[in-house]
Amino acid sequence: MTAEDGAVFKYEVLKDGKVIYVEDEKVEKQFTYKPTNAGDYVVRVSAKPISAKSYGDVKEIGFKAALPQVSRGGEQVAVNTFRVYGTDRIKTAVAVSQTGWDEAEYAVVARADDFPDALSAGPLAKKYDAPILLTYKDRLNEEVEIELLRLGVKMCLL
């Protein structure tokens, strides 16, 4: 479902299971939410045709925000951090990419079933300021393909 189809989009943020932010839009957009408190968060995006009474086509991503303490000049200071994750390693890699990059000329694509492959790609990704995306050994995962297009990647490093 797209805005061209006449869809309305709802962006919701839930903290510890309770809705704390809602935004309705008539256009798809990149949605960003930065938590200010520790807790478990879920960002939920749903769509519906303008004529429909309820939303469907729901996508969710969850993360955990924490406020760890660090010592700065002998004083304990709270630092905002949050955990980015997906329901599997491929979705987690896509979520990390979405969190860290708005665009990228390069992307490192590694096998999801062979962790040393991705682990050893770290220095290469750093050199090219590239996200590391994981996929199957014999085909490109659809969500990874969408992420490569979103980033505008010109070259994949395998």
C-alpha atoms as a PDB file:
ATOM      1  CA  MET A   1       0.000   0.000   0.000  1.00  0.00           C
ATOM      2  CA  THR A   2       1.443   3.396  -0.960  1.00  0.00           C
ATOM      3  CA  ALA A   3       0.504   7.061  -0.759  1.00  0.00           C
ATOM      4  CA  GLU A   4      -0.196   6.885  -4.503  1.00  0.00           C
ATOM      5  CA  ASP A   5      -2.902   4.309  -3.713  1.00  0.00           C
ATOM      6  CA  GLY A   6      -4.586   6.894  -1.469  1.00  0.00           C
ATOM      7  CA  ALA A   7      -3.294   5.350   1.754  1.00  0.00           C
ATOM      8  CA  VAL A   8      -3.026   7.048   5.134  1.00  0.00           C
ATOM      9  CA  PHE A   9      -0.088   6.108   7.358  1.00  0.00           C
ATOM     10  CA  LYS A  10       0.031   5.950  11.144  1.00  0.00           C
ATOM     11  CA  TYR A  11       3.344   6.157  12.993  1.00  0.00           C
ATOM     12  CA  GLU A  12       3.166   5.062  16.641  1.00  0.00           C
ATOM     13  CA  VAL A  13       5.769   4.768  19.369  1.00  0.00           C
ATOM     14  CA  LEU A  14       5.070   2.442  22.276  1.00  0.00           C
ATOM     15  CA  LYS A  15       7.114   2.477  25.482  1.00  0.00           C
ATOM     16  CA  ASP A  16       6.839  -0.485  27.795  1.00  0.00           C
ATOM     17  CA  GLY A  17       3.661  -1.507  25.907  1.00  0.00           C
ATOM     18  CA  LYS A  18       1.864   1.887  26.081  1.00  0.00           C
ATOM     19  CA  VAL A  19       1.385   4.257  23.125  1.00  0.00           C
ATOM     20  CA  ILE A  20       3.321   7.458  23.862  1.00  0.00           C
ATOM     21  CA  TYR A  21       3.351   9.106  20.417  1.00  0.00           C
ATOM     22  CA  VAL A  22       1.062   8.964  17.358  1.00  0.00           C
ATOM     23  CA  GLU A  23       1.334  10.716  14.026  1.00  0.00           C
ATOM     24  CA  ASP A  24      -1.046  10.312  11.061  1.00  0.00           C
ATOM     25  CA  GLU A  25       0.275  11.226   7.625  1.00  0.00           C
ATOM     26  CA  LYS A  26      -1.026  11.190   4.081  1.00  0.00           C
ATOM     27  CA  VAL A  27       2.500  10.525   2.809  1.00  0.00           C
ATOM     28  CA  GLU A  28       5.085   7.853   3.467  1.00  0.00           C
ATOM     29  CA  LYS A  29       8.186   9.269   5.109  1.00  0.00           C
ATOM     30  CA  GLN A  30      11.300   8.374   7.003  1.00  0.00           C
ATOM     31  CA  PHE A  31      10.255   8.362  10.652  1.00  0.00           C
ATOM     32  CA  THR A  32      12.734   9.012  13.449  1.00  0.00           C
ATOM     33  CA  TYR A  33      12.148   8.844  17.179  1.00  0.00           C
ATOM     34  CA  LYS A  34      14.863   9.394  19.767  1.00  0.00           C
ATOM     35  CA  PRO A  35      13.961   8.183  23.251  1.00  0.00           C
ATOM     36  CA  THR A  36      14.794  10.337  26.247  1.00  0.00           C
ATOM     37  CA  ASN A  37      14.136   7.680  28.897  1.00  0.00           C
ATOM     38  CA  ALA A  38      15.229   4.108  29.425  1.00  0.00           C
ATOM     39  CA  GLY A  39      12.740   1.366  28.519  1.00  0.00           C
ATOM     40  CA  ASP A  40      11.471  -1.028  25.875  1.00  0.00           C
ATOM     41  CA  TYR A  41      10.195   0.743  22.760  1.00  0.00           C
ATOM     42  CA  VAL A  42       8.360  -0.364  19.620  1.00  0.00           C
ATOM     43  CA  VAL A  43       7.878   1.780  16.526  1.00  0.00           C
ATOM     44  CA  ARG A  44       4.766   0.680  14.640  1.00  0.00           C
ATOM     45  CA  VAL A  45       3.914   1.860  11.134  1.00  0.00           C
ATOM     46  CA  SER A  46       0.541   0.930   9.699  1.00  0.00           C
ATOM     47  CA  ALA A  47      -1.363   1.882   6.576  1.00  0.00           C
ATOM     48  CA  LYS A  48      -4.970   1.956   5.422  1.00  0.00           C
ATOM     49  CA  PRO A  49      -6.871   3.101   2.359  1.00  0.00           C
ATOM     50  CA  ILE A  50      -8.570   6.459   2.983  1.00  0.00           C
ATOM     51  CA  SER A  51     -11.994   4.772   2.765  1.00  0.00           C
ATOM     52  CA  ALA A  52     -11.158   2.047   5.320  1.00  0.00           C
ATOM     53  CA  LYS A  53     -12.139   2.244   8.992  1.00  0.00           C
ATOM     54  CA  SER A  54      -9.114   0.460  10.417  1.00  0.00           C
ATOM     55  CA  TYR A  55      -5.402   0.197   9.792  1.00  0.00           C
ATOM     56  CA  GLY A  56      -3.753  -2.917   8.432  1.00  0.00           C
ATOM     57  CA  ASP A  57      -0.395  -3.701   6.825  1.00  0.00           C
ATOM     58  CA  VAL A  58       1.431  -3.210  10.154  1.00  0.00           C
ATOM     59  CA  LYS A  59       5.248  -3.199  10.418  1.00  0.00           C
ATOM     60  CA  GLU A  60       7.043  -3.057  13.774  1.00  0.00           C
ATOM     61  CA  ILE A  61      10.601  -2.647  14.980  1.00  0.00           C
ATOM     62  CA  GLY A  62      11.580  -2.813  18.619  1.00  0.00           C
ATOM     63  CA  PHE A  63      14.507  -1.469  20.573  1.00  0.00           C
ATOM     64  CA  LYS A  64      15.634  -1.082  24.174  1.00  0.00           C
ATOM     65  CA  ALA A  65      16.813   2.315  25.387  1.00  0.00           C
ATOM     66  CA  ALA A  66      19.067   2.538  28.429  1.00  0.00           C
ATOM     67  CA  LEU A  67      20.710   5.383  30.280  1.00  0.00           C
ATOM     68  CA  PRO A  68      24.069   4.016  31.424  1.00  0.00           C
ATOM     69  CA  GLN A  69      26.359   6.025  33.661  1.00  0.00           C
ATOM     70  CA  VAL A  70      29.864   7.029  32.604  1.00  0.00           C
ATOM     71  CA  SER A  71      32.498   8.837  34.575  1.00  0.00           C
ATOM     72  CA  ARG A  72      33.519  12.200  33.179  1.00  0.00           C
ATOM     73  CA  GLY A  73      36.021  14.156  35.271  1.00  0.00           C
ATOM     74  CA  GLY A  74      35.151  12.068  38.327  1.00  0.00           C
ATOM     75  CA  GLU A  75      31.420  12.845  37.938  1.00  0.00           C
ATOM     76  CA  GLN A  76      28.834  10.204  36.974  1.00  0.00           C
ATOM     77  CA  VAL A  77      26.921  11.330  33.866  1.00  0.00           C
ATOM     78  CA  ALA A  78      23.931   9.603  32.217  1.00  0.00           C
ATOM     79  CA  VAL A  79      24.401   8.762  28.545  1.00  0.00           C
ATOM     80  CA  ASN A  80      21.521   8.085  26.143  1.00  0.00           C
ATOM     81  CA  THR A  81      21.888   4.737  24.349  1.00  0.00           C
ATOM     82  CA  PHE A  82      19.443   2.414  22.666  1.00  0.00           C
ATOM     83  CA  ARG A  83      19.473  -1.117  21.336  1.00  0.00           C
ATOM     84  CA  VAL A  84      18.565  -1.732  17.705  1.00  0.00           C
ATOM     85  CA  TYR A  85      17.357  -5.193  16.764  1.00  0.00           C
ATOM     86  CA  GLY A  86      15.152  -7.195  14.442  1.00  0.00           C
ATOM     87  CA  THR A  87      13.471 -10.574  14.703  1.00  0.00           C
ATOM     88  CA  ASP A  88      16.474 -12.312  13.100  1.00  0.00           C
ATOM     89  CA  ARG A  89      20.069 -11.452  12.141  1.00  0.00           C
ATOM     90  CA  ILE A  90      19.100 -10.244   8.639  1.00  0.00           C
ATOM     91  CA  LYS A  91      16.414  -7.878   9.981  1.00  0.00           C
ATOM     92  CA  THR A  92      18.811  -6.707  12.707  1.00  0.00           C
ATOM     93  CA  ALA A  93      21.433  -5.800  10.094  1.00  0.00           C
ATOM     94  CA  VAL A  94      18.783  -3.865   8.113  1.00  0.00           C
ATOM     95  CA  ALA A  95      17.654  -2.067  11.305  1.00  0.00           C
ATOM     96  CA  VAL A  96      21.268  -1.094  12.098  1.00  0.00           C
ATOM     97  CA  SER A  97      21.661   0.224   8.553  1.00  0.00           C
ATOM     98  CA  GLN A  98      18.432   2.227   8.826  1.00  0.00           C
ATOM     99  CA  THR A  99      19.593   3.691  12.123  1.00  0.00           C
ATOM    100  CA  GLY A 100      23.120   4.550  11.016  1.00  0.00           C
ATOM    101  CA  TRP A 101      22.849   5.602   7.367  1.00  0.00           C
ATOM    102  CA  ASP A 102      20.542   7.853   5.360  1.00  0.00           C
ATOM    103  CA  GLU A 103      22.541   7.082   2.229  1.00  0.00           C
ATOM    104  CA  ALA A 104      25.652   5.102   1.357  1.00  0.00           C
ATOM    105  CA  GLU A 105      27.739   4.769  -1.770  1.00  0.00           C
ATOM    106  CA  TYR A 106      28.995   1.354  -0.621  1.00  0.00           C
ATOM    107  CA  ALA A 107      27.485  -1.557   1.285  1.00  0.00           C
ATOM    108  CA  VAL A 108      29.123  -4.743   2.501  1.00  0.00           C
ATOM    109  CA  VAL A 109      26.956  -7.814   1.894  1.00  0.00           C
ATOM    110  CA  ALA A 110      27.848 -10.937   3.869  1.00  0.00           C
ATOM    111  CA  ARG A 111      26.329 -14.359   4.413  1.00  0.00           C
ATOM    112  CA  ALA A 112      23.904 -14.552   7.317  1.00  0.00           C
ATOM    113  CA  ASP A 113      24.705 -18.222   7.953  1.00  0.00           C
ATOM    114  CA  ASP A 114      28.485 -17.744   8.331  1.00  0.00           C
ATOM    115  CA  PHE A 115      29.267 -15.277  11.134  1.00  0.00           C
ATOM    116  CA  PRO A 116      33.051 -15.034  10.448  1.00  0.00           C
ATOM    117  CA  ASP A 117      32.122 -13.665   7.012  1.00  0.00           C
ATOM    118  CA  ALA A 118      30.349 -10.652   8.535  1.00  0.00           C
ATOM    119  CA  LEU A 119      32.757 -10.327  11.452  1.00  0.00           C
ATOM    120  CA  SER A 120      35.773 -10.039   9.169  1.00  0.00           C
ATOM    121  CA  ALA A 121      33.917  -7.443   7.040  1.00  0.00           C
ATOM    122  CA  GLY A 122      34.019  -4.869   9.870  1.00  0.00           C
ATOM    123  CA  PRO A 123      37.298  -3.167   8.873  1.00  0.00           C
ATOM    124  CA  LEU A 124      36.215  -3.036   5.217  1.00  0.00           C
ATOM    125  CA  ALA A 125      32.866  -1.477   6.182  1.00  0.00           C
ATOM    126  CA  LYS A 126      34.707   1.071   8.336  1.00  0.00           C
ATOM    127  CA  LYS A 127      37.059   1.989   5.482  1.00  0.00           C
ATOM    128  CA  TYR A 128      34.161   2.684   3.094  1.00  0.00           C
ATOM    129  CA  ASP A 129      31.695   4.007   5.721  1.00  0.00           C
ATOM    130  CA  ALA A 130      29.382   1.205   4.639  1.00  0.00           C
ATOM    131  CA  PRO A 131      26.674  -0.747   6.450  1.00  0.00           C
ATOM    132  CA  ILE A 132      27.063  -4.511   6.720  1.00  0.00           C
ATOM    133  CA  LEU A 133      23.956  -6.275   5.430  1.00  0.00           C
ATOM    134  CA  LEU A 134      23.368 -10.011   5.754  1.00  0.00           C
ATOM    135  CA  THR A 135      21.660 -12.274   3.264  1.00  0.00           C
ATOM    136  CA  TYR A 136      21.259 -15.897   2.206  1.00  0.00           C
ATOM    137  CA  LYS A 137      24.165 -17.759   0.592  1.00  0.00           C
ATOM    138  CA  ASP A 138      22.293 -18.359  -2.666  1.00  0.00           C
ATOM    139  CA  ARG A 139      20.025 -15.305  -3.104  1.00  0.00           C
ATOM    140  CA  LEU A 140      19.530 -11.723  -1.989  1.00  0.00           C
ATOM    141  CA  ASN A 141      17.005 -11.221   0.805  1.00  0.00           C
ATOM    142  CA  GLU A 142      14.108  -8.944  -0.295  1.00  0.00           C
ATOM    143  CA  GLU A 143      14.438  -6.614   2.722  1.00  0.00           C
ATOM    144  CA  VAL A 144      18.170  -6.242   2.046  1.00  0.00           C
ATOM    145  CA  GLU A 145      17.416  -5.381  -1.593  1.00  0.00           C
ATOM    146  CA  ILE A 146      14.954  -2.686  -0.461  1.00  0.00           C
ATOM    147  CA  GLU A 147      17.551  -1.308   1.966  1.00  0.00           C
ATOM    148  CA  LEU A 148      20.222  -1.174  -0.762  1.00  0.00           C
ATOM    149  CA  LEU A 149      17.809   0.811  -2.935  1.00  0.00           C
ATOM    150  CA  ARG A 150      16.870   3.137  -0.043  1.00  0.00           C
ATOM    151  CA  LEU A 151      20.537   3.890   0.606  1.00  0.00           C
ATOM    152  CA  GLY A 152      21.272   4.516  -3.087  1.00  0.00           C
ATOM    153  CA  VAL A 153      24.203   2.095  -2.987  1.00  0.00           C
ATOM    154  CA  LYS A 154      26.386   2.217  -6.098  1.00  0.00           C
ATOM    155  CA  MET A 155      28.700  -0.691  -5.201  1.00  0.00           C
ATOM    156  CA  CYS A 156      28.249  -3.792  -3.050  1.00  0.00           C
ATOM    157  CA  LEU A 157      31.336  -5.363  -1.541  1.00  0.00           C
ATOM    158  CA  LEU A 158      30.859  -9.117  -1.104  1.00  0.00           C
END
